Structure formats: C-alpha cells, structure tokens
Protein backbone atom coordinates (compact mmCIF):
# COMPACT_ATOMS: atom_id res chain seq x y z
CA UNK A 1 0.00 0.00 0.00
CA UNK A 2 2.97 2.26 -0.52
CA UNK A 3 1.22 4.15 -3.31
CA UNK A 4 -1.80 4.86 -1.13
CA UNK A 5 0.37 5.96 1.80
CA UNK A 6 2.22 8.36 -0.48
CA UNK A 7 -1.09 9.74 -1.76
CA UNK A 8 -2.23 10.57 1.76
CA UNK A 9 1.13 12.01 2.78
CA UNK A 10 1.38 14.09 -0.39
CA UNK A 11 -2.05 15.61 0.23
CA UNK A 12 -0.87 17.22 3.48
CA UNK A 13 0.60 20.74 3.58
CA UNK A 14 4.39 20.80 4.14
CA UNK A 15 4.02 22.41 7.57
CA UNK A 16 1.73 19.59 8.67
CA UNK A 17 4.16 17.00 7.35
CA UNK A 18 7.02 18.54 9.33
CA UNK A 19 4.97 18.70 12.52
CA UNK A 20 3.81 15.08 12.20
CA UNK A 21 7.38 13.87 11.63
CA UNK A 22 8.50 15.77 14.71
CA UNK A 23 5.64 14.38 16.81
CA UNK A 24 6.33 10.79 15.77
CA UNK A 25 10.01 11.24 16.64
CA UNK A 26 9.05 12.29 20.19
CA UNK A 27 6.93 9.19 20.85
CA UNK A 28 8.55 6.54 23.09
CA UNK A 29 10.04 3.38 21.66
CA UNK A 30 7.37 0.84 20.84
CA UNK A 31 4.59 3.42 20.52
CA UNK A 32 2.49 3.74 17.37
CA UNK A 33 1.43 7.15 16.08
CA UNK A 34 -1.13 7.12 13.26
CA UNK A 35 -3.01 9.78 11.34
CA UNK A 36 -6.68 8.77 11.13
CA UNK A 37 -10.05 10.16 10.09
CA UNK A 38 -10.96 12.62 7.39
CA UNK A 39 -7.42 13.61 6.42
CA UNK A 40 -6.63 10.01 5.44
CA UNK A 41 -9.97 9.47 3.69
CA UNK A 42 -9.83 12.70 1.72
CA UNK A 43 -6.22 12.14 0.70
CA UNK A 44 -7.13 8.72 -0.70
CA UNK A 45 -10.15 10.19 -2.51
CA UNK A 46 -7.82 12.68 -4.19
CA UNK A 47 -9.58 15.71 -2.77
CA UNK A 48 -7.65 18.95 -2.88
CA UNK A 49 -7.78 20.62 0.52
CA UNK A 50 -9.00 24.22 0.34
CA UNK A 51 -7.76 24.71 3.90
CA UNK A 52 -5.49 22.89 6.29
CA UNK A 53 -7.08 19.51 7.07
CA UNK A 54 -8.18 18.39 10.51
CA UNK A 55 -5.39 16.31 12.04
CA UNK A 56 -6.60 13.46 14.25
CA UNK A 57 -3.97 11.14 15.67
CA UNK A 58 -4.60 7.73 17.23
CA UNK A 59 -1.69 6.78 19.48
CA UNK A 60 -0.97 3.41 21.04
CA UNK A 61 1.56 2.79 23.79
CA UNK A 62 2.33 6.36 24.89
CA UNK A 63 1.45 8.71 27.74
CA UNK A 64 -0.32 11.44 25.79
CA UNK A 65 0.15 14.09 28.46
CA UNK A 66 3.91 13.51 28.29
CA UNK A 67 3.85 13.44 24.48
CA UNK A 68 1.87 16.68 24.31
CA UNK A 69 4.31 18.28 26.75
CA UNK A 70 7.21 17.20 24.54
CA UNK A 71 5.81 19.18 21.60
CA UNK A 72 6.50 22.43 23.47
CA UNK A 73 3.11 23.75 22.38
CA UNK A 74 0.07 24.73 24.46
CA UNK A 75 -2.26 21.80 25.08
CA UNK A 76 -5.25 20.67 27.08
CA UNK A 77 -5.18 17.26 28.73
CA UNK A 78 -8.42 15.30 29.15
CA UNK A 79 -7.75 12.91 32.05
CA UNK A 80 -11.05 11.04 31.79
CA UNK A 81 -9.94 9.51 28.50
CA UNK A 82 -6.20 10.13 28.61
CA UNK A 83 -6.39 12.30 25.48
CA UNK A 84 -4.82 15.67 24.69
CA UNK A 85 -5.58 18.58 22.37
CA UNK A 86 -2.52 20.47 21.13
CA UNK A 87 -2.78 24.02 19.77
CA UNK A 88 -0.55 24.66 16.76
CA UNK A 89 0.90 28.08 15.88
CA UNK A 90 -1.93 30.01 14.27
CA UNK A 91 -4.61 28.49 16.50
CA UNK A 92 -5.39 25.15 14.83
CA UNK A 93 -5.88 22.24 17.18
CA UNK A 94 -4.76 18.63 16.85
CA UNK A 95 -6.37 15.81 18.80
CA UNK A 96 -4.07 13.16 20.28
CA UNK A 97 -6.37 10.21 21.01
CA UNK A 98 -5.43 7.15 23.02
CA UNK A 99 -6.38 4.08 20.97
CA UNK A 100 -9.45 2.41 22.39
CA UNK A 101 -12.18 -0.12 21.87
CA UNK A 102 -15.84 0.58 22.61
CA UNK A 103 -18.94 -1.29 23.70
CA UNK A 104 -22.58 -0.18 23.73
CA UNK A 105 -24.29 -1.50 26.89
CA UNK A 106 -27.47 0.30 25.79
CA UNK A 107 -28.28 0.76 22.11
CA UNK A 108 -28.51 4.46 21.30
CA UNK A 109 -26.61 5.43 24.43
CA UNK A 110 -23.04 6.57 24.78
CA UNK A 111 -20.36 3.94 24.17
CA UNK A 112 -18.15 2.76 27.01
CA UNK A 113 -14.46 3.06 26.06
CA UNK A 114 -11.55 0.92 27.20
CA UNK A 115 -7.87 0.99 26.21
CA UNK A 116 -7.27 -0.91 22.99
CA UNK A 117 -4.91 -1.44 20.11
CA UNK A 118 -4.78 0.63 16.94
CA UNK A 119 -6.54 -2.19 15.10
CA UNK A 120 -9.35 -2.19 17.67
CA UNK A 121 -9.59 1.59 17.43
CA UNK A 122 -10.13 1.36 13.67
CA UNK A 123 -12.69 -1.42 14.06
CA UNK A 124 -14.88 0.75 16.33
CA UNK A 125 -15.39 3.39 13.62
CA UNK A 126 -18.46 4.04 11.52
CA UNK A 127 -17.60 3.27 7.88
CA UNK A 128 -14.87 1.42 6.04
CA UNK A 129 -13.43 4.48 4.34
CA UNK A 130 -13.20 6.25 7.72
CA UNK A 131 -11.30 3.34 9.30
CA UNK A 132 -7.93 3.71 7.58
CA UNK A 133 -4.73 4.85 9.28
CA UNK A 134 -1.46 6.29 8.06
CA UNK A 135 1.12 4.92 10.51
CA UNK A 136 3.86 7.53 10.92
CA UNK A 137 7.57 7.22 11.60
CA UNK A 138 10.10 4.90 10.00
CA UNK A 139 8.43 2.61 7.52
CA UNK A 140 5.40 4.87 7.15
CA UNK A 141 2.53 2.80 5.78
CA UNK A 142 -1.23 2.65 5.38
CA UNK A 143 -3.06 0.28 7.73
CA UNK A 144 -6.36 -1.24 6.59
CA UNK A 145 -7.82 -3.82 8.97
CA UNK A 146 -11.46 -3.54 7.82
CA UNK A 147 -11.26 -3.60 4.02
CA UNK A 148 -11.70 0.13 3.71
CA UNK A 149 -9.52 0.65 0.63
CA UNK A 150 -11.98 -1.06 -1.74
CA UNK A 151 -14.68 1.23 -0.32
CA UNK A 152 -12.54 4.26 -1.17
CA UNK A 153 -11.99 2.99 -4.70
CA UNK A 154 -15.73 2.35 -5.15
CA UNK A 155 -16.65 5.58 -3.31
CA UNK A 156 -19.17 3.76 -1.11
CA UNK A 157 -20.20 4.07 2.52
CA UNK A 158 -20.25 0.66 4.21
CA UNK A 159 -21.01 0.17 7.92
CA UNK A 160 -18.44 -2.00 9.65
CA UNK A 161 -20.89 -4.50 11.14
CA UNK A 162 -24.54 -5.51 10.91
CA UNK A 163 -25.57 -3.83 14.19
CA UNK A 164 -23.86 -0.51 13.51
CA UNK A 165 -27.00 1.61 13.05
CA UNK A 166 -28.84 -0.13 15.87
CA UNK A 167 -26.01 0.74 18.26
CA UNK A 168 -25.78 4.30 16.99
CA UNK A 169 -28.54 5.58 14.70
CA UNK A 170 -26.71 8.90 14.26
CA UNK A 171 -24.41 7.08 11.82
CA UNK A 172 -27.21 7.15 9.25
CA UNK A 173 -27.33 10.95 9.24
CA UNK A 174 -23.54 11.13 9.24
CA UNK A 175 -23.58 8.90 6.16
CA UNK A 176 -25.96 11.28 4.39
CA UNK A 177 -23.72 14.23 5.22
CA UNK A 178 -20.65 12.46 3.86
CA UNK A 179 -22.46 11.16 0.78
CA UNK A 180 -23.67 14.64 -0.15
CA UNK A 181 -20.36 16.36 0.54
CA UNK A 182 -18.02 13.79 -1.04
CA UNK A 183 -20.28 12.34 -3.76
CA UNK A 184 -20.41 8.87 -2.22
CA UNK A 185 -22.93 6.06 -2.69
CA UNK A 186 -24.62 3.87 -0.10
CA UNK A 187 -23.39 0.27 0.12
CA UNK A 188 -26.21 -2.33 0.22
CA UNK A 189 -25.22 -3.08 3.83
CA UNK A 190 -26.00 0.55 4.71
CA UNK A 191 -29.43 0.47 3.08
CA UNK A 192 -30.26 -2.77 4.88
CA UNK A 193 -29.66 -1.05 8.22
CA UNK A 194 -31.87 2.01 7.64
CA UNK A 195 -34.89 0.43 9.41
CA UNK A 196 -32.72 -0.19 12.48
CA UNK A 197 -31.70 3.47 12.56
CA UNK A 198 -35.30 4.65 12.27
CA UNK A 199 -36.35 2.27 15.03
CA UNK A 200 -33.69 3.68 17.35
CA UNK A 201 -33.90 7.36 16.33
CA UNK A 202 -36.00 8.41 19.34
CA UNK A 203 -33.51 6.70 21.67
CA UNK A 204 -30.38 8.25 20.13
CA UNK A 205 -29.79 11.87 21.19
CA UNK A 206 -26.69 12.03 18.99
CA UNK A 207 -28.89 11.62 15.91
CA UNK A 208 -30.42 15.04 16.53
CA UNK A 209 -26.95 16.54 16.92
CA UNK A 210 -26.06 15.05 13.53
CA UNK A 211 -29.20 16.54 11.96
CA UNK A 212 -28.11 19.93 13.26
CA UNK A 213 -24.70 19.40 11.65
CA UNK A 214 -26.47 18.50 8.40
CA UNK A 215 -27.78 22.07 8.23
CA UNK A 216 -24.19 23.32 8.28
CA UNK A 217 -23.07 21.18 5.32
CA UNK A 218 -22.14 22.86 2.02
CA UNK A 219 -25.37 21.48 0.48
CA UNK A 220 -27.88 20.62 3.24
CA UNK A 221 -30.66 20.02 0.72
CA UNK A 222 -28.62 17.38 -1.04
CA UNK A 223 -27.88 15.62 2.26
CA UNK A 224 -31.58 15.67 3.15
CA UNK A 225 -32.44 14.16 -0.23
CA UNK A 226 -29.94 11.39 0.48
CA UNK A 227 -31.93 10.48 3.59
CA UNK A 228 -35.15 10.50 1.58
CA UNK A 229 -33.63 8.32 -1.16
CA UNK A 230 -32.46 5.81 1.44
CA UNK A 231 -35.94 5.59 2.99
CA UNK A 232 -35.24 7.86 5.96
CA UNK A 233 -36.96 11.05 4.84
CA UNK A 234 -39.14 10.95 7.96
CA UNK A 235 -36.23 12.22 10.04
CA UNK A 236 -36.94 15.71 8.64
CA UNK A 237 -40.26 17.46 7.96
CA UNK A 238 -41.29 16.29 4.48
CA UNK A 239 -42.29 19.80 3.42
CA UNK A 240 -38.77 21.03 4.19
CA UNK A 241 -37.10 19.10 1.35
CA UNK A 242 -38.10 21.43 -1.54
CA UNK A 243 -37.20 24.43 0.63
CA UNK A 244 -33.73 23.06 1.36
CA UNK A 245 -33.32 22.20 -2.33
CA UNK A 246 -34.21 25.78 -3.27
CA UNK A 247 -31.68 27.17 -0.79
CA UNK A 248 -29.02 24.86 -2.25
CA UNK A 249 -29.85 26.32 -5.67
CA UNK A 250 -29.48 29.84 -4.25
CA UNK A 251 -26.02 28.91 -2.97
CA UNK A 252 -25.10 27.42 -6.34
CA UNK A 253 -26.08 30.70 -8.02
CA UNK A 254 -23.74 32.65 -5.75
CA UNK A 255 -25.95 33.74 -2.85
CA UNK A 256 -24.70 33.45 0.72
CA UNK A 257 -27.07 31.08 2.51
CA UNK A 258 -26.25 30.68 6.18
CA UNK A 259 -26.89 27.90 8.67
CA UNK A 260 -29.56 30.10 10.26
CA UNK A 261 -31.37 30.42 6.92
CA UNK A 262 -31.52 26.66 6.42
CA UNK A 263 -32.65 26.21 10.02
CA UNK A 264 -35.39 28.82 9.60
CA UNK A 265 -36.67 27.06 6.47
CA UNK A 266 -36.73 23.77 8.38
CA UNK A 267 -38.77 25.35 11.18
CA UNK A 268 -41.23 26.81 8.68
CA UNK A 269 -41.98 23.30 7.41
CA UNK A 270 -42.17 21.66 10.84
CA UNK A 271 -45.56 20.74 12.36
CA UNK A 272 -44.15 21.69 15.78
CA UNK A 273 -41.36 24.25 15.25
CA UNK A 274 -40.64 24.74 18.95
CA UNK A 275 -40.17 21.01 19.52
CA UNK A 276 -37.87 20.68 16.51
CA UNK A 277 -35.83 23.72 17.56
CA UNK A 278 -35.37 22.19 21.00
CA UNK A 279 -34.38 18.77 19.64
CA UNK A 280 -31.81 20.29 17.28
CA UNK A 281 -30.63 22.82 19.87
CA UNK A 282 -31.11 25.64 17.37
CA UNK A 283 -31.51 28.47 19.85
CA UNK A 284 -33.71 31.49 19.15
CA UNK A 285 -32.04 32.95 16.05
CA UNK A 286 -33.64 30.78 13.33
CA UNK A 287 -37.17 31.41 14.65
CA UNK A 288 -36.48 35.15 14.86
CA UNK A 289 -35.11 35.14 11.30
CA UNK A 290 -38.20 33.29 10.10
CA UNK A 291 -40.49 35.85 11.74
CA UNK A 292 -38.63 38.71 10.07
CA UNK A 293 -38.75 36.97 6.70
CA UNK A 294 -42.51 36.52 6.96
CA UNK A 295 -43.07 40.15 7.97
CA UNK A 296 -43.47 43.15 5.66
CA UNK A 297 -40.38 44.89 7.00
CA UNK A 298 -38.00 45.82 4.16
CA UNK A 299 -34.56 44.21 4.11
CA UNK A 300 -31.67 44.72 1.69
CA UNK A 301 -31.25 42.45 -1.30
CA UNK A 302 -29.02 39.48 -0.53
CA UNK A 303 -29.95 39.43 3.16
CA UNK A 304 -31.09 36.19 4.76
CA UNK A 305 -34.53 37.74 5.27
CA UNK A 306 -34.90 38.56 1.56
CA UNK A 307 -33.68 35.11 0.50
CA UNK A 308 -36.20 33.41 2.77
CA UNK A 309 -39.03 35.78 1.88
CA UNK A 310 -38.66 35.09 -1.84
CA UNK A 311 -38.83 31.39 -1.03
CA UNK A 312 -41.68 31.41 1.49
CA UNK A 313 -43.70 34.37 0.18
CA UNK A 314 -43.09 34.43 -3.58
CA UNK A 315 -45.96 36.89 -4.08
CA UNK A 316 -44.66 39.33 -1.47
CA UNK A 317 -42.86 42.44 -2.60
CA UNK A 318 -40.23 44.59 -0.95
CA UNK A 319 -41.38 48.16 -0.24
CA UNK A 320 -39.35 51.00 -1.72
CA UNK A 321 -36.42 52.25 0.33
CA UNK A 322 -34.90 55.68 0.79
CA UNK A 323 -32.45 54.95 -2.01
CA UNK A 324 -35.35 54.03 -4.30
CA UNK A 325 -37.27 57.24 -3.65
CA UNK A 326 -34.17 59.37 -4.28
CA UNK A 327 -33.71 57.58 -7.61
CA UNK A 328 -37.30 58.50 -8.49
CA UNK A 329 -36.70 62.20 -7.94
CA UNK A 330 -37.19 62.90 -4.24
CA UNK A 331 -34.45 65.29 -3.04
CA UNK A 332 -32.19 64.27 -0.18
CA UNK A 333 -33.18 65.49 3.26
CA UNK A 334 -36.48 65.58 5.10
CA UNK A 335 -38.42 65.01 1.88
CA UNK A 336 -37.23 61.38 1.86
CA UNK A 337 -38.91 60.70 5.19
CA UNK A 338 -42.08 62.41 4.03
CA UNK A 339 -42.18 60.32 0.84
CA UNK A 340 -41.61 57.07 2.74
CA UNK A 341 -44.35 58.00 5.22
CA UNK A 342 -46.70 58.67 2.30
CA UNK A 343 -46.00 55.21 0.86
CA UNK A 344 -46.43 53.56 4.27
CA UNK A 345 -49.85 55.18 4.54
CA UNK A 346 -50.87 53.79 1.15
CA UNK A 347 -49.69 50.30 2.16
CA UNK A 348 -51.65 50.49 5.41
CA UNK A 349 -54.95 50.99 3.56
CA UNK A 350 -54.15 48.55 0.76
CA UNK A 351 -53.84 51.11 -2.03
CA UNK A 352 -50.52 49.65 -3.26
CA UNK A 353 -49.95 45.93 -3.83
CA UNK A 354 -46.54 45.81 -5.50
CA UNK A 355 -43.30 47.70 -5.97
CA UNK A 356 -44.64 48.86 -9.33
CA UNK A 357 -47.70 50.33 -7.59
CA UNK A 358 -45.40 52.16 -5.18
CA UNK A 359 -43.28 53.58 -7.99
CA UNK A 360 -46.37 54.83 -9.82
CA UNK A 361 -47.78 56.37 -6.63
CA UNK A 362 -44.46 57.99 -5.81
CA UNK A 363 -44.17 59.43 -9.32
CA UNK A 364 -47.57 61.09 -8.86
CA UNK A 365 -46.49 62.28 -5.40
CA UNK A 366 -43.35 63.90 -6.80
CA UNK A 367 -45.30 65.58 -9.58
CA UNK A 368 -47.98 66.98 -7.26
CA UNK A 369 -45.88 67.82 -4.18
CA UNK A 370 -42.33 68.44 -5.32
CA UNK A 371 -42.48 69.71 -8.89
CA UNK A 372 -41.90 73.47 -9.25
C-alpha cells in the first residue's frame, strides 16, 4: 500500500508534514502514532484541501500528556480519556487520542471506552473508508484492517458491522452528510440497516446533533435528499425538502445562505417548530429570522430575510427604500422621510400591492408635491 500511503502524505501541507514527523520522533520506543479520520480518507479520494485539514492522531503505547508536553506547544489534557488537544501556531488544534475499543451497553446510548490497540480503534469506527490509518515514523505505511480501501476505490459508505446503526442511529445521518459532501454512494449493507436506525432514532440523542450538523453542510438540501432516497426522509419534515433544495440552488447561483437560513426554512416546514428547535438545539435565532422573513419589514437584497421571503412568500414584494425614492426624484433630506411615510400610509390601507404600484404612486407624489 505504498502508493496509497504516499497519496495521503502528499495531500498534506508541508508544515503539517514537518509537525507530524517531529511528533512521531518524540513518541517513546514501541509506541504507534497514526493519522486517522478525514485527512486520510480525503487524501485517498484525491480531494484537494481548500484549507489545512483536521489532524486526528490515534496513538498506542504512549502517555499522551507527556507526548503533548514534549511538543513544546500549548495543550489541554483530558484525564477522563487520557487524550490531549494540542494548539498549533496560528490556532489550529490537533487531537491526540489514546487508541481504544468501545462497547454499547445500551443501544442508542453513549459507548463505554476501554484501552485498545490501533486495530481495535479502527474497528470501532463508523464506515470502512473512515477506518484507515497512516502509521507515521520509520516505515510509514497505510493500515487497513477492515477492508476500507476497496470502499474508497468504489466511493461507497459501508457500515463495519450488521448492528452498527442499531447501536448508533446517528451514523445514518452522518452517512448522508458524507455522501452529499463527497459524492459517495450507499453500500447495500448501509441500506439494509436504515430500518434499524429509524427504530432507534428516538432513543439516540446524537442523531439530533447530527441533523443539526447536516444544516451546516455545504449542500444541506442534497444531504436531506440522500436520507429520503435511502428511505429515511421521515427524520426531517417532508415539506422542508423542496425548501432546502431551493436554498441549495441559491447557494449554487452565488448567494450566501447561512446555517440560520436553512434552520429557519426547516422550522417553517415543521408541524411543531418549537419542539424541533429544542431537539436540534437551534436556539432562538432561526425562529427570529423566520419571523422577520414573513413580515413586511423591508430588508436589503441578498440578506437572509430577503432570500427566505422570496422562497416562502413568492408573491410578497419589498417596499421601496430611501435609495429608491431618491432615484425616483425625491431630493435628499427631510423630503425622503415624508415620501416614505406617504407610501407607508398607502400600504396600510391597501392602495398599493406591488413595488410597481409604489413607484407609480411615488411618481404622482413627486409631480404633485415636489415639482416646481
């Protein structure tokens, strides 16, 4: 697997390569330091990093507090798990994780960790293409103990065992996020486990956290459609899917569509918005944004309110602004306020129904009140 190891290593920025070499050299004799997670997967998929990748390191046979100290960099030690988070120059963080195995005493609950080997650490992961490791140091090589390389080559998401989604239903939503972001397909083993995930969804708090993360993906609508295609569309309000699709299209056309905008659209489609907001831990901002978008208050073009309003109230129009009335001949100064007040009065009694109506009314206003 030398070619694959070189592909992963070559995908890393030179500064990251130097730091990883230095870290591996500081590990005690007999220890194993391995790069795991998304950096390995994305390097094998040939993805060009637009920013420095997340560096996650699984380490076997070392005291991670001592190893973090040896880097000479600021770090936080997590004694409950024996892990450490090192802060690189510039503020990036790197997780040093003690290799472990996990068991699920209660399906849907949190796993119980115990010290384990690197192989056991890889076997506890969600999908084959996420369970590959680049072992650092002399004789750097790629370690594949679960058959993940064929999954990378086929660009498929395959759960590592038949009870994966029953143990942790959140893996289904994570799969949809990855499939949408990386253009991956579902392995038949994944599709066979969808009913298990749906059965356990109410007992898996992490699933709702994953749904929240879905709204922060580059294309949330695409990820939601993945769930629908796989038979899990019920995890989101059905009416939200065309709204999320439309927001994806806005992004594709160059608009800036924020997490809050997607969340507000989801709430608009929900039978019980307050319950959904609580489950997804959305806070108050999406609901407030939705209320503004559904109001008649004017907002600038390109704002989240305008984007949502066009989607949710396609027949609504945006009232003229001060800039608009100046362009139509109202002089700067107090006359702008008077003209806007005149238009507001017409709106209040229903005498204008569109921006075109307002322009026509304002033209008459200028001619009768402001012309010499």
